[in-house]
Amino acid sequence: MPNKDLASVLYNRGTRNANNGNLAQAIEDFTKALEIKPKDVMAYNNRGSAYAQQGDYIQAISDFTKAIGINSNDPVAYHNRAVAYFGMKLYDKAWGDVNMVKEIGATVNPEIIRMLKEATG
């Protein structure tokens, strides 16, 4: 099996594992997929989301930042990173990423805006 196909299989398995709540296995699958295909923005986003669901915001932010480094116009990575920053109570950084999502022209989940306004007054 060519490596790119294996990366896709691992990515898809990681997505299934994440959806089923098997976060540690999902992280492992996305990590293996990224070893094969290191510029896969969605694998970074999904692995970061799995880390965030585990409460590991530092690792999540690292993955979302890597995704942004690969594609600086990826609203999903900025949005996800805003949520992770919110989880760490880094509200200024969260607002910065919310504003980047808007600049890119994508929609921000109104819930995160509501939560940020509540947290920052």
PDB file of N, CA and C in Angstrom:
ATOM      1  N   MET A   1       0.852  -1.189   0.000  1.00  0.00           N
ATOM      2  CA  MET A   1       0.000   0.000   0.000  1.00  0.00           C
ATOM      3  C   MET A   1       0.890   1.242   0.000  1.00  0.00           C
ATOM      4  N   PRO A   2       0.686   2.135  -0.988  1.00  0.00           N
ATOM      5  CA  PRO A   2       1.479   3.371  -0.993  1.00  0.00           C
ATOM      6  C   PRO A   2       1.256   4.161   0.303  1.00  0.00           C
ATOM      7  N   ASN A   3       2.284   4.891   0.705  1.00  0.00           N
ATOM      8  CA  ASN A   3       2.235   5.619   1.971  1.00  0.00           C
ATOM      9  C   ASN A   3       1.073   6.589   2.084  1.00  0.00           C
ATOM     10  N   LYS A   4       0.772   7.308   0.981  1.00  0.00           N
ATOM     11  CA  LYS A   4      -0.317   8.290   1.032  1.00  0.00           C
ATOM     12  C   LYS A   4      -1.634   7.596   1.350  1.00  0.00           C
ATOM     13  N   ASP A   5      -1.838   6.390   0.798  1.00  0.00           N
ATOM     14  CA  ASP A   5      -3.051   5.635   1.096  1.00  0.00           C
ATOM     15  C   ASP A   5      -3.083   5.237   2.564  1.00  0.00           C
ATOM     16  N   LEU A   6      -1.940   4.819   3.094  1.00  0.00           N
ATOM     17  CA  LEU A   6      -1.857   4.443   4.498  1.00  0.00           C
ATOM     18  C   LEU A   6      -2.172   5.657   5.380  1.00  0.00           C
ATOM     19  N   ALA A   7      -1.671   6.834   4.999  1.00  0.00           N
ATOM     20  CA  ALA A   7      -1.969   8.055   5.757  1.00  0.00           C
ATOM     21  C   ALA A   7      -3.475   8.301   5.795  1.00  0.00           C
ATOM     22  N   SER A   8      -4.140   8.088   4.663  1.00  0.00           N
ATOM     23  CA  SER A   8      -5.604   8.272   4.602  1.00  0.00           C
ATOM     24  C   SER A   8      -6.332   7.264   5.478  1.00  0.00           C
ATOM     25  N   VAL A   9      -5.888   6.024   5.451  1.00  0.00           N
ATOM     26  CA  VAL A   9      -6.499   4.977   6.278  1.00  0.00           C
ATOM     27  C   VAL A   9      -6.354   5.346   7.757  1.00  0.00           C
ATOM     28  N   LEU A  10      -5.147   5.762   8.141  1.00  0.00           N
ATOM     29  CA  LEU A  10      -4.897   6.141   9.534  1.00  0.00           C
ATOM     30  C   LEU A  10      -5.721   7.366   9.926  1.00  0.00           C
ATOM     31  N   TYR A  11      -5.797   8.343   9.025  1.00  0.00           N
ATOM     32  CA  TYR A  11      -6.591   9.550   9.281  1.00  0.00           C
ATOM     33  C   TYR A  11      -8.053   9.176   9.507  1.00  0.00           C
ATOM     34  N   ASN A  12      -8.593   8.345   8.603  1.00  0.00           N
ATOM     35  CA  ASN A  12     -10.002   7.946   8.717  1.00  0.00           C
ATOM     36  C   ASN A  12     -10.255   7.153   9.991  1.00  0.00           C
ATOM     37  N   ARG A  13      -9.312   6.274  10.342  1.00  0.00           N
ATOM     38  CA  ARG A  13      -9.461   5.501  11.577  1.00  0.00           C
ATOM     39  C   ARG A  13      -9.391   6.439  12.790  1.00  0.00           C
ATOM     40  N   GLY A  14      -8.511   7.422  12.720  1.00  0.00           N
ATOM     41  CA  GLY A  14      -8.404   8.411  13.795  1.00  0.00           C
ATOM     42  C   GLY A  14      -9.693   9.186  13.967  1.00  0.00           C
ATOM     43  N   THR A  15     -10.296   9.563  12.849  1.00  0.00           N
ATOM     44  CA  THR A  15     -11.568  10.293  12.896  1.00  0.00           C
ATOM     45  C   THR A  15     -12.657   9.433  13.535  1.00  0.00           C
ATOM     46  N   ARG A  16     -12.713   8.157  13.131  1.00  0.00           N
ATOM     47  CA  ARG A  16     -13.705   7.235  13.729  1.00  0.00           C
ATOM     48  C   ARG A  16     -13.472   7.085  15.223  1.00  0.00           C
ATOM     49  N   ASN A  17     -12.209   6.894  15.604  1.00  0.00           N
ATOM     50  CA  ASN A  17     -11.885   6.751  17.027  1.00  0.00           C
ATOM     51  C   ASN A  17     -12.274   8.002  17.812  1.00  0.00           C
ATOM     52  N   ALA A  18     -11.984   9.175  17.259  1.00  0.00           N
ATOM     53  CA  ALA A  18     -12.339  10.431  17.942  1.00  0.00           C
ATOM     54  C   ALA A  18     -13.855  10.528  18.102  1.00  0.00           C
ATOM     55  N   ASN A  19     -14.584  10.208  17.033  1.00  0.00           N
ATOM     56  CA  ASN A  19     -16.052  10.272  17.085  1.00  0.00           C
ATOM     57  C   ASN A  19     -16.635   9.300  18.098  1.00  0.00           C
ATOM     58  N   ASN A  20     -15.926   8.197  18.333  1.00  0.00           N
ATOM     59  CA  ASN A  20     -16.387   7.190  19.297  1.00  0.00           C
ATOM     60  C   ASN A  20     -15.855   7.439  20.701  1.00  0.00           C
ATOM     61  N   GLY A  21     -15.115   8.531  20.878  1.00  0.00           N
ATOM     62  CA  GLY A  21     -14.599   8.869  22.193  1.00  0.00           C
ATOM     63  C   GLY A  21     -13.310   8.167  22.574  1.00  0.00           C
ATOM     64  N   ASN A  22     -12.712   7.441  21.626  1.00  0.00           N
ATOM     65  CA  ASN A  22     -11.423   6.767  21.878  1.00  0.00           C
ATOM     66  C   ASN A  22     -10.296   7.749  21.555  1.00  0.00           C
ATOM     67  N   LEU A  23     -10.138   8.750  22.424  1.00  0.00           N
ATOM     68  CA  LEU A  23      -9.255   9.875  22.102  1.00  0.00           C
ATOM     69  C   LEU A  23      -7.785   9.483  22.043  1.00  0.00           C
ATOM     70  N   ALA A  24      -7.332   8.656  22.971  1.00  0.00           N
ATOM     71  CA  ALA A  24      -5.912   8.258  22.965  1.00  0.00           C
ATOM     72  C   ALA A  24      -5.572   7.515  21.673  1.00  0.00           C
ATOM     73  N   GLN A  25      -6.458   6.628  21.251  1.00  0.00           N
ATOM     74  CA  GLN A  25      -6.230   5.894  19.999  1.00  0.00           C
ATOM     75  C   GLN A  25      -6.302   6.835  18.802  1.00  0.00           C
ATOM     76  N   ALA A  26      -7.222   7.790  18.837  1.00  0.00           N
ATOM     77  CA  ALA A  26      -7.338   8.768  17.748  1.00  0.00           C
ATOM     78  C   ALA A  26      -6.039   9.568  17.627  1.00  0.00           C
ATOM     79  N   ILE A  27      -5.513  10.018  18.761  1.00  0.00           N
ATOM     80  CA  ILE A  27      -4.262  10.793  18.752  1.00  0.00           C
ATOM     81  C   ILE A  27      -3.133   9.961  18.144  1.00  0.00           C
ATOM     82  N   GLU A  28      -3.075   8.691  18.525  1.00  0.00           N
ATOM     83  CA  GLU A  28      -2.055   7.796  17.973  1.00  0.00           C
ATOM     84  C   GLU A  28      -2.211   7.654  16.455  1.00  0.00           C
ATOM     85  N   ASP A  29      -3.455   7.469  15.987  1.00  0.00           N
ATOM     86  CA  ASP A  29      -3.713   7.341  14.544  1.00  0.00           C
ATOM     87  C   ASP A  29      -3.311   8.608  13.793  1.00  0.00           C
ATOM     88  N   PHE A  30      -3.721   9.779  14.307  1.00  0.00           N
ATOM     89  CA  PHE A  30      -3.373  11.038  13.639  1.00  0.00           C
ATOM     90  C   PHE A  30      -1.861  11.261  13.651  1.00  0.00           C
ATOM     91  N   THR A  31      -1.203  10.877  14.746  1.00  0.00           N
ATOM     92  CA  THR A  31       0.253  11.020  14.836  1.00  0.00           C
ATOM     93  C   THR A  31       0.934  10.180  13.757  1.00  0.00           C
ATOM     94  N   LYS A  32       0.486   8.928  13.596  1.00  0.00           N
ATOM     95  CA  LYS A  32       1.065   8.058  12.565  1.00  0.00           C
ATOM     96  C   LYS A  32       0.789   8.614  11.169  1.00  0.00           C
ATOM     97  N   ALA A  33      -0.417   9.136  10.949  1.00  0.00           N
ATOM     98  CA  ALA A  33      -0.751   9.732   9.652  1.00  0.00           C
ATOM     99  C   ALA A  33       0.161  10.926   9.371  1.00  0.00           C
ATOM    100  N   LEU A  34       0.437  11.730  10.403  1.00  0.00           N
ATOM    101  CA  LEU A  34       1.292  12.905  10.227  1.00  0.00           C
ATOM    102  C   LEU A  34       2.753  12.525   9.986  1.00  0.00           C
ATOM    103  N   GLU A  35       3.181  11.387  10.498  1.00  0.00           N
ATOM    104  CA  GLU A  35       4.549  10.923  10.222  1.00  0.00           C
ATOM    105  C   GLU A  35       4.704  10.638   8.730  1.00  0.00           C
ATOM    106  N   ILE A  36       3.637  10.163   8.098  1.00  0.00           N
ATOM    107  CA  ILE A  36       3.660   9.845   6.663  1.00  0.00           C
ATOM    108  C   ILE A  36       3.416  11.106   5.836  1.00  0.00           C
ATOM    109  N   LYS A  37       2.478  11.924   6.284  1.00  0.00           N
ATOM    110  CA  LYS A  37       2.043  13.104   5.528  1.00  0.00           C
ATOM    111  C   LYS A  37       2.094  14.322   6.464  1.00  0.00           C
ATOM    112  N   PRO A  38       3.299  14.860   6.686  1.00  0.00           N
ATOM    113  CA  PRO A  38       3.492  15.882   7.726  1.00  0.00           C
ATOM    114  C   PRO A  38       2.850  17.245   7.458  1.00  0.00           C
ATOM    115  N   LYS A  39       2.276  17.450   6.293  1.00  0.00           N
ATOM    116  CA  LYS A  39       1.641  18.738   6.007  1.00  0.00           C
ATOM    117  C   LYS A  39       0.113  18.623   5.949  1.00  0.00           C
ATOM    118  N   ASP A  40      -0.436  17.621   6.626  1.00  0.00           N
ATOM    119  CA  ASP A  40      -1.880  17.386   6.606  1.00  0.00           C
ATOM    120  C   ASP A  40      -2.562  18.274   7.652  1.00  0.00           C
ATOM    121  N   VAL A  41      -3.096  19.394   7.190  1.00  0.00           N
ATOM    122  CA  VAL A  41      -3.730  20.383   8.071  1.00  0.00           C
ATOM    123  C   VAL A  41      -4.872  19.761   8.876  1.00  0.00           C
ATOM    124  N   MET A  42      -5.701  18.951   8.219  1.00  0.00           N
ATOM    125  CA  MET A  42      -6.849  18.368   8.926  1.00  0.00           C
ATOM    126  C   MET A  42      -6.406  17.366   9.986  1.00  0.00           C
ATOM    127  N   ALA A  43      -5.333  16.641   9.748  1.00  0.00           N
ATOM    128  CA  ALA A  43      -4.830  15.706  10.766  1.00  0.00           C
ATOM    129  C   ALA A  43      -4.365  16.485  11.997  1.00  0.00           C
ATOM    130  N   TYR A  44      -3.697  17.617  11.773  1.00  0.00           N
ATOM    131  CA  TYR A  44      -3.306  18.461  12.911  1.00  0.00           C
ATOM    132  C   TYR A  44      -4.533  19.002  13.637  1.00  0.00           C
ATOM    133  N   ASN A  45      -5.522  19.474  12.865  1.00  0.00           N
ATOM    134  CA  ASN A  45      -6.743  20.002  13.484  1.00  0.00           C
ATOM    135  C   ASN A  45      -7.448  18.930  14.308  1.00  0.00           C
ATOM    136  N   ASN A  46      -7.578  17.737  13.735  1.00  0.00           N
ATOM    137  CA  ASN A  46      -8.303  16.678  14.444  1.00  0.00           C
ATOM    138  C   ASN A  46      -7.529  16.165  15.649  1.00  0.00           C
ATOM    139  N   ARG A  47      -6.200  16.039  15.503  1.00  0.00           N
ATOM    140  CA  ARG A  47      -5.415  15.605  16.658  1.00  0.00           C
ATOM    141  C   ARG A  47      -5.474  16.670  17.751  1.00  0.00           C
ATOM    142  N   GLY A  48      -5.401  17.930  17.352  1.00  0.00           N
ATOM    143  CA  GLY A  48      -5.511  19.023  18.322  1.00  0.00           C
ATOM    144  C   GLY A  48      -6.849  19.003  19.041  1.00  0.00           C
ATOM    145  N   SER A  49      -7.914  18.728  18.295  1.00  0.00           N
ATOM    146  CA  SER A  49      -9.245  18.646  18.909  1.00  0.00           C
ATOM    147  C   SER A  49      -9.310  17.501  19.915  1.00  0.00           C
ATOM    148  N   ALA A  50      -8.695  16.379  19.584  1.00  0.00           N
ATOM    149  CA  ALA A  50      -8.674  15.236  20.511  1.00  0.00           C
ATOM    150  C   ALA A  50      -7.907  15.606  21.780  1.00  0.00           C
ATOM    151  N   TYR A  51      -6.770  16.287  21.610  1.00  0.00           N
ATOM    152  CA  TYR A  51      -6.026  16.745  22.786  1.00  0.00           C
ATOM    153  C   TYR A  51      -6.881  17.692  23.632  1.00  0.00           C
ATOM    154  N   ALA A  52      -7.575  18.624  22.966  1.00  0.00           N
ATOM    155  CA  ALA A  52      -8.401  19.592  23.696  1.00  0.00           C
ATOM    156  C   ALA A  52      -9.509  18.880  24.470  1.00  0.00           C
ATOM    157  N   GLN A  53     -10.113  17.868  23.855  1.00  0.00           N
ATOM    158  CA  GLN A  53     -11.171  17.119  24.545  1.00  0.00           C
ATOM    159  C   GLN A  53     -10.636  16.403  25.772  1.00  0.00           C
ATOM    160  N   GLN A  54      -9.342  16.082  25.764  1.00  0.00           N
ATOM    161  CA  GLN A  54      -8.704  15.457  26.932  1.00  0.00           C
ATOM    162  C   GLN A  54      -8.277  16.504  27.954  1.00  0.00           C
ATOM    163  N   GLY A  55      -8.426  17.783  27.604  1.00  0.00           N
ATOM    164  CA  GLY A  55      -8.010  18.860  28.496  1.00  0.00           C
ATOM    165  C   GLY A  55      -6.549  19.250  28.344  1.00  0.00           C
ATOM    166  N   ASP A  56      -5.871  18.689  27.346  1.00  0.00           N
ATOM    167  CA  ASP A  56      -4.464  19.013  27.092  1.00  0.00           C
ATOM    168  C   ASP A  56      -4.405  20.179  26.098  1.00  0.00           C
ATOM    169  N   TYR A  57      -4.698  21.376  26.619  1.00  0.00           N
ATOM    170  CA  TYR A  57      -4.791  22.554  25.749  1.00  0.00           C
ATOM    171  C   TYR A  57      -3.444  22.963  25.185  1.00  0.00           C
ATOM    172  N   ILE A  58      -2.373  22.735  25.914  1.00  0.00           N
ATOM    173  CA  ILE A  58      -1.041  23.125  25.421  1.00  0.00           C
ATOM    174  C   ILE A  58      -0.698  22.337  24.158  1.00  0.00           C
ATOM    175  N   GLN A  59      -0.942  21.020  24.192  1.00  0.00           N
ATOM    176  CA  GLN A  59      -0.669  20.186  23.020  1.00  0.00           C
ATOM    177  C   GLN A  59      -1.640  20.544  21.891  1.00  0.00           C
ATOM    178  N   ALA A  60      -2.887  20.826  22.249  1.00  0.00           N
ATOM    179  CA  ALA A  60      -3.892  21.210  21.249  1.00  0.00           C
ATOM    180  C   ALA A  60      -3.458  22.491  20.535  1.00  0.00           C
ATOM    181  N   ILE A  61      -3.064  23.493  21.312  1.00  0.00           N
ATOM    182  CA  ILE A  61      -2.641  24.772  20.725  1.00  0.00           C
ATOM    183  C   ILE A  61      -1.429  24.566  19.819  1.00  0.00           C
ATOM    184  N   SER A  62      -0.530  23.691  20.224  1.00  0.00           N
ATOM    185  CA  SER A  62       0.639  23.386  19.397  1.00  0.00           C
ATOM    186  C   SER A  62       0.202  22.825  18.039  1.00  0.00           C
ATOM    187  N   ASP A  63      -0.749  21.888  18.048  1.00  0.00           N
ATOM    188  CA  ASP A  63      -1.216  21.305  16.782  1.00  0.00           C
ATOM    189  C   ASP A  63      -1.952  22.335  15.926  1.00  0.00           C
ATOM    190  N   PHE A  64      -2.810  23.149  16.534  1.00  0.00           N
ATOM    191  CA  PHE A  64      -3.535  24.158  15.751  1.00  0.00           C
ATOM    192  C   PHE A  64      -2.561  25.177  15.171  1.00  0.00           C
ATOM    193  N   THR A  65      -1.520  25.512  15.923  1.00  0.00           N
ATOM    194  CA  THR A  65      -0.508  26.454  15.441  1.00  0.00           C
ATOM    195  C   THR A  65       0.267  25.845  14.270  1.00  0.00           C
ATOM    196  N   LYS A  66       0.547  24.533  14.331  1.00  0.00           N
ATOM    197  CA  LYS A  66       1.212  23.863  13.203  1.00  0.00           C
ATOM    198  C   LYS A  66       0.316  23.901  11.963  1.00  0.00           C
ATOM    199  N   ALA A  67      -0.990  23.670  12.150  1.00  0.00           N
ATOM    200  CA  ALA A  67      -1.927  23.730  11.020  1.00  0.00           C
ATOM    201  C   ALA A  67      -1.923  25.123  10.399  1.00  0.00           C
ATOM    202  N   ILE A  68      -1.908  26.154  11.240  1.00  0.00           N
ATOM    203  CA  ILE A  68      -1.877  27.542  10.753  1.00  0.00           C
ATOM    204  C   ILE A  68      -0.562  27.812  10.028  1.00  0.00           C
ATOM    205  N   GLY A  69       0.534  27.221  10.511  1.00  0.00           N
ATOM    206  CA  GLY A  69       1.821  27.377   9.843  1.00  0.00           C
ATOM    207  C   GLY A  69       1.823  26.795   8.438  1.00  0.00           C
ATOM    208  N   ILE A  70       1.054  25.746   8.233  1.00  0.00           N
ATOM    209  CA  ILE A  70       0.954  25.108   6.912  1.00  0.00           C
ATOM    210  C   ILE A  70      -0.006  25.889   6.023  1.00  0.00           C
ATOM    211  N   ASN A  71      -1.141  26.327   6.597  1.00  0.00           N
ATOM    212  CA  ASN A  71      -2.132  27.099   5.845  1.00  0.00           C
ATOM    213  C   ASN A  71      -2.634  28.230   6.725  1.00  0.00           C
ATOM    214  N   SER A  72      -2.086  29.418   6.509  1.00  0.00           N
ATOM    215  CA  SER A  72      -2.423  30.565   7.370  1.00  0.00           C
ATOM    216  C   SER A  72      -3.837  31.083   7.133  1.00  0.00           C
ATOM    217  N   ASN A  73      -4.543  30.536   6.146  1.00  0.00           N
ATOM    218  CA  ASN A  73      -5.931  30.940   5.888  1.00  0.00           C
ATOM    219  C   ASN A  73      -6.922  29.855   6.279  1.00  0.00           C
ATOM    220  N   ASP A  74      -6.533  28.983   7.209  1.00  0.00           N
ATOM    221  CA  ASP A  74      -7.420  27.895   7.633  1.00  0.00           C
ATOM    222  C   ASP A  74      -8.263  28.359   8.821  1.00  0.00           C
ATOM    223  N   PRO A  75      -9.533  28.719   8.566  1.00  0.00           N
ATOM    224  CA  PRO A  75     -10.352  29.236   9.669  1.00  0.00           C
ATOM    225  C   PRO A  75     -10.606  28.188  10.758  1.00  0.00           C
ATOM    226  N   VAL A  76     -10.613  26.913  10.394  1.00  0.00           N
ATOM    227  CA  VAL A  76     -10.870  25.853  11.373  1.00  0.00           C
ATOM    228  C   VAL A  76      -9.784  25.852  12.449  1.00  0.00           C
ATOM    229  N   ALA A  77      -8.527  25.973  12.030  1.00  0.00           N
ATOM    230  CA  ALA A  77      -7.418  25.962  12.981  1.00  0.00           C
ATOM    231  C   ALA A  77      -7.485  27.165  13.918  1.00  0.00           C
ATOM    232  N   TYR A  78      -7.784  28.346  13.365  1.00  0.00           N
ATOM    233  CA  TYR A  78      -7.907  29.538  14.218  1.00  0.00           C
ATOM    234  C   TYR A  78      -9.071  29.377  15.196  1.00  0.00           C
ATOM    235  N   HIS A  79     -10.182  28.875  14.690  1.00  0.00           N
ATOM    236  CA  HIS A  79     -11.368  28.696  15.537  1.00  0.00           C
ATOM    237  C   HIS A  79     -11.063  27.704  16.659  1.00  0.00           C
ATOM    238  N   ASN A  80     -10.481  26.564  16.296  1.00  0.00           N
ATOM    239  CA  ASN A  80     -10.142  25.555  17.301  1.00  0.00           C
ATOM    240  C   ASN A  80      -9.155  26.110  18.324  1.00  0.00           C
ATOM    241  N   ARG A  81      -8.178  26.875  17.832  1.00  0.00           N
ATOM    242  CA  ARG A  81      -7.183  27.424  18.753  1.00  0.00           C
ATOM    243  C   ARG A  81      -7.815  28.455  19.681  1.00  0.00           C
ATOM    244  N   ALA A  82      -8.781  29.222  19.180  1.00  0.00           N
ATOM    245  CA  ALA A  82      -9.500  30.178  20.032  1.00  0.00           C
ATOM    246  C   ALA A  82     -10.187  29.452  21.182  1.00  0.00           C
ATOM    247  N   VAL A  83     -10.818  28.320  20.873  1.00  0.00           N
ATOM    248  CA  VAL A  83     -11.498  27.532  21.904  1.00  0.00           C
ATOM    249  C   VAL A  83     -10.490  27.003  22.928  1.00  0.00           C
ATOM    250  N   ALA A  84      -9.333  26.537  22.453  1.00  0.00           N
ATOM    251  CA  ALA A  84      -8.299  26.034  23.364  1.00  0.00           C
ATOM    252  C   ALA A  84      -7.748  27.166  24.232  1.00  0.00           C
ATOM    253  N   TYR A  85      -7.511  28.331  23.623  1.00  0.00           N
ATOM    254  CA  TYR A  85      -7.059  29.487  24.417  1.00  0.00           C
ATOM    255  C   TYR A  85      -8.104  29.828  25.479  1.00  0.00           C
ATOM    256  N   PHE A  86      -9.373  29.779  25.091  1.00  0.00           N
ATOM    257  CA  PHE A  86     -10.447  30.040  26.054  1.00  0.00           C
ATOM    258  C   PHE A  86     -10.360  29.055  27.219  1.00  0.00           C
ATOM    259  N   GLY A  87     -10.111  27.793  26.897  1.00  0.00           N
ATOM    260  CA  GLY A  87      -9.989  26.768  27.933  1.00  0.00           C
ATOM    261  C   GLY A  87      -8.855  27.049  28.908  1.00  0.00           C
ATOM    262  N   MET A  88      -7.838  27.756  28.426  1.00  0.00           N
ATOM    263  CA  MET A  88      -6.697  28.112  29.284  1.00  0.00           C
ATOM    264  C   MET A  88      -6.868  29.501  29.904  1.00  0.00           C
ATOM    265  N   LYS A  89      -8.011  30.122  29.666  1.00  0.00           N
ATOM    266  CA  LYS A  89      -8.310  31.476  30.160  1.00  0.00           C
ATOM    267  C   LYS A  89      -7.376  32.533  29.554  1.00  0.00           C
ATOM    268  N   LEU A  90      -6.872  32.259  28.353  1.00  0.00           N
ATOM    269  CA  LEU A  90      -6.052  33.225  27.617  1.00  0.00           C
ATOM    270  C   LEU A  90      -6.971  33.972  26.649  1.00  0.00           C
ATOM    271  N   TYR A  91      -7.801  34.834  27.236  1.00  0.00           N
ATOM    272  CA  TYR A  91      -8.900  35.451  26.490  1.00  0.00           C
ATOM    273  C   TYR A  91      -8.426  36.383  25.385  1.00  0.00           C
ATOM    274  N   ASP A  92      -7.348  37.147  25.613  1.00  0.00           N
ATOM    275  CA  ASP A  92      -6.854  38.046  24.566  1.00  0.00           C
ATOM    276  C   ASP A  92      -6.431  37.259  23.328  1.00  0.00           C
ATOM    277  N   LYS A  93      -5.743  36.140  23.570  1.00  0.00           N
ATOM    278  CA  LYS A  93      -5.314  35.302  22.439  1.00  0.00           C
ATOM    279  C   LYS A  93      -6.531  34.682  21.748  1.00  0.00           C
ATOM    280  N   ALA A  94      -7.523  34.282  22.544  1.00  0.00           N
ATOM    281  CA  ALA A  94      -8.755  33.719  21.962  1.00  0.00           C
ATOM    282  C   ALA A  94      -9.437  34.758  21.077  1.00  0.00           C
ATOM    283  N   TRP A  95      -9.560  35.997  21.557  1.00  0.00           N
ATOM    284  CA  TRP A  95     -10.160  37.065  20.744  1.00  0.00           C
ATOM    285  C   TRP A  95      -9.359  37.282  19.463  1.00  0.00           C
ATOM    286  N   GLY A  96      -8.027  37.223  19.566  1.00  0.00           N
ATOM    287  CA  GLY A  96      -7.184  37.410  18.380  1.00  0.00           C
ATOM    288  C   GLY A  96      -7.502  36.381  17.306  1.00  0.00           C
ATOM    289  N   ASP A  97      -7.673  35.124  17.728  1.00  0.00           N
ATOM    290  CA  ASP A  97      -7.989  34.068  16.754  1.00  0.00           C
ATOM    291  C   ASP A  97      -9.416  34.199  16.224  1.00  0.00           C
ATOM    292  N   VAL A  98     -10.351  34.603  17.083  1.00  0.00           N
ATOM    293  CA  VAL A  98     -11.731  34.849  16.628  1.00  0.00           C
ATOM    294  C   VAL A  98     -11.707  35.914  15.533  1.00  0.00           C
ATOM    295  N   ASN A  99     -10.927  36.971  15.751  1.00  0.00           N
ATOM    296  CA  ASN A  99     -10.846  38.044  14.754  1.00  0.00           C
ATOM    297  C   ASN A  99     -10.186  37.570  13.462  1.00  0.00           C
ATOM    298  N   MET A 100      -9.219  36.639  13.551  1.00  0.00           N
ATOM    299  CA  MET A 100      -8.604  36.072  12.344  1.00  0.00           C
ATOM    300  C   MET A 100      -9.629  35.279  11.535  1.00  0.00           C
ATOM    301  N   VAL A 101     -10.469  34.510  12.217  1.00  0.00           N
ATOM    302  CA  VAL A 101     -11.522  33.753  11.519  1.00  0.00           C
ATOM    303  C   VAL A 101     -12.396  34.726  10.729  1.00  0.00           C
ATOM    304  N   LYS A 102     -12.773  35.827  11.372  1.00  0.00           N
ATOM    305  CA  LYS A 102     -13.609  36.839  10.698  1.00  0.00           C
ATOM    306  C   LYS A 102     -12.870  37.461   9.517  1.00  0.00           C
ATOM    307  N   GLU A 103     -11.571  37.763   9.705  1.00  0.00           N
ATOM    308  CA  GLU A 103     -10.771  38.362   8.623  1.00  0.00           C
ATOM    309  C   GLU A 103     -10.711  37.449   7.413  1.00  0.00           C
ATOM    310  N   ILE A 104     -10.593  36.154   7.670  1.00  0.00           N
ATOM    311  CA  ILE A 104     -10.540  35.173   6.582  1.00  0.00           C
ATOM    312  C   ILE A 104     -11.888  35.129   5.860  1.00  0.00           C
ATOM    313  N   GLY A 105     -12.928  35.558   6.552  1.00  0.00           N
ATOM    314  CA  GLY A 105     -14.257  35.592   5.944  1.00  0.00           C
ATOM    315  C   GLY A 105     -15.109  34.400   6.328  1.00  0.00           C
ATOM    316  N   ALA A 106     -14.700  33.691   7.369  1.00  0.00           N
ATOM    317  CA  ALA A 106     -15.462  32.526   7.826  1.00  0.00           C
ATOM    318  C   ALA A 106     -16.347  32.932   9.013  1.00  0.00           C
ATOM    319  N   THR A 107     -17.249  32.055   9.357  1.00  0.00           N
ATOM    320  CA  THR A 107     -18.188  32.306  10.448  1.00  0.00           C
ATOM    321  C   THR A 107     -17.628  31.745  11.746  1.00  0.00           C
ATOM    322  N   VAL A 108     -17.764  32.540  12.792  1.00  0.00           N
ATOM    323  CA  VAL A 108     -17.351  32.108  14.128  1.00  0.00           C
ATOM    324  C   VAL A 108     -18.586  31.573  14.843  1.00  0.00           C
ATOM    325  N   ASN A 109     -18.417  30.467  15.541  1.00  0.00           N
ATOM    326  CA  ASN A 109     -19.504  29.917  16.335  1.00  0.00           C
ATOM    327  C   ASN A 109     -19.936  30.984  17.340  1.00  0.00           C
ATOM    328  N   PRO A 110     -21.202  31.408  17.312  1.00  0.00           N
ATOM    329  CA  PRO A 110     -21.642  32.477  18.220  1.00  0.00           C
ATOM    330  C   PRO A 110     -21.466  32.109  19.699  1.00  0.00           C
ATOM    331  N   GLU A 111     -21.436  30.821  19.995  1.00  0.00           N
ATOM    332  CA  GLU A 111     -21.275  30.382  21.379  1.00  0.00           C
ATOM    333  C   GLU A 111     -19.917  30.801  21.947  1.00  0.00           C
ATOM    334  N   ILE A 112     -18.861  30.684  21.158  1.00  0.00           N
ATOM    335  CA  ILE A 112     -17.535  31.077  21.658  1.00  0.00           C
ATOM    336  C   ILE A 112     -17.483  32.589  21.862  1.00  0.00           C
ATOM    337  N   ILE A 113     -18.135  33.338  20.984  1.00  0.00           N
ATOM    338  CA  ILE A 113     -18.168  34.799  21.152  1.00  0.00           C
ATOM    339  C   ILE A 113     -18.930  35.147  22.437  1.00  0.00           C
ATOM    340  N   ARG A 114     -20.051  34.495  22.671  1.00  0.00           N
ATOM    341  CA  ARG A 114     -20.846  34.733  23.873  1.00  0.00           C
ATOM    342  C   ARG A 114     -20.011  34.406  25.118  1.00  0.00           C
ATOM    343  N   MET A 115     -19.333  33.256  25.102  1.00  0.00           N
ATOM    344  CA  MET A 115     -18.530  32.846  26.255  1.00  0.00           C
ATOM    345  C   MET A 115     -17.372  33.814  26.497  1.00  0.00           C
ATOM    346  N   LEU A 116     -16.737  34.288  25.427  1.00  0.00           N
ATOM    347  CA  LEU A 116     -15.634  35.228  25.572  1.00  0.00           C
ATOM    348  C   LEU A 116     -16.137  36.564  26.129  1.00  0.00           C
ATOM    349  N   LYS A 117     -17.278  37.048  25.618  1.00  0.00           N
ATOM    350  CA  LYS A 117     -17.829  38.311  26.122  1.00  0.00           C
ATOM    351  C   LYS A 117     -18.169  38.178  27.607  1.00  0.00           C
ATOM    352  N   GLU A 118     -18.725  37.041  27.979  1.00  0.00           N
ATOM    353  CA  GLU A 118     -19.069  36.797  29.377  1.00  0.00           C
ATOM    354  C   GLU A 118     -17.815  36.775  30.248  1.00  0.00           C
ATOM    355  N   ALA A 119     -16.757  36.155  29.746  1.00  0.00           N
ATOM    356  CA  ALA A 119     -15.531  36.004  30.522  1.00  0.00           C
ATOM    357  C   ALA A 119     -14.749  37.313  30.625  1.00  0.00           C
ATOM    358  N   THR A 120     -14.868  38.151  29.602  1.00  0.00           N
ATOM    359  CA  THR A 120     -14.043  39.374  29.572  1.00  0.00           C
ATOM    360  C   THR A 120     -14.848  40.627  29.886  1.00  0.00           C
ATOM    361  N   GLY A 121     -16.108  40.478  30.147  1.00  0.00           N
ATOM    362  CA  GLY A 121     -16.915  41.629  30.548  1.00  0.00           C
ATOM    363  C   GLY A 121     -17.400  42.451  29.414  1.00  0.00           C
TER     364      GLY A 121
END
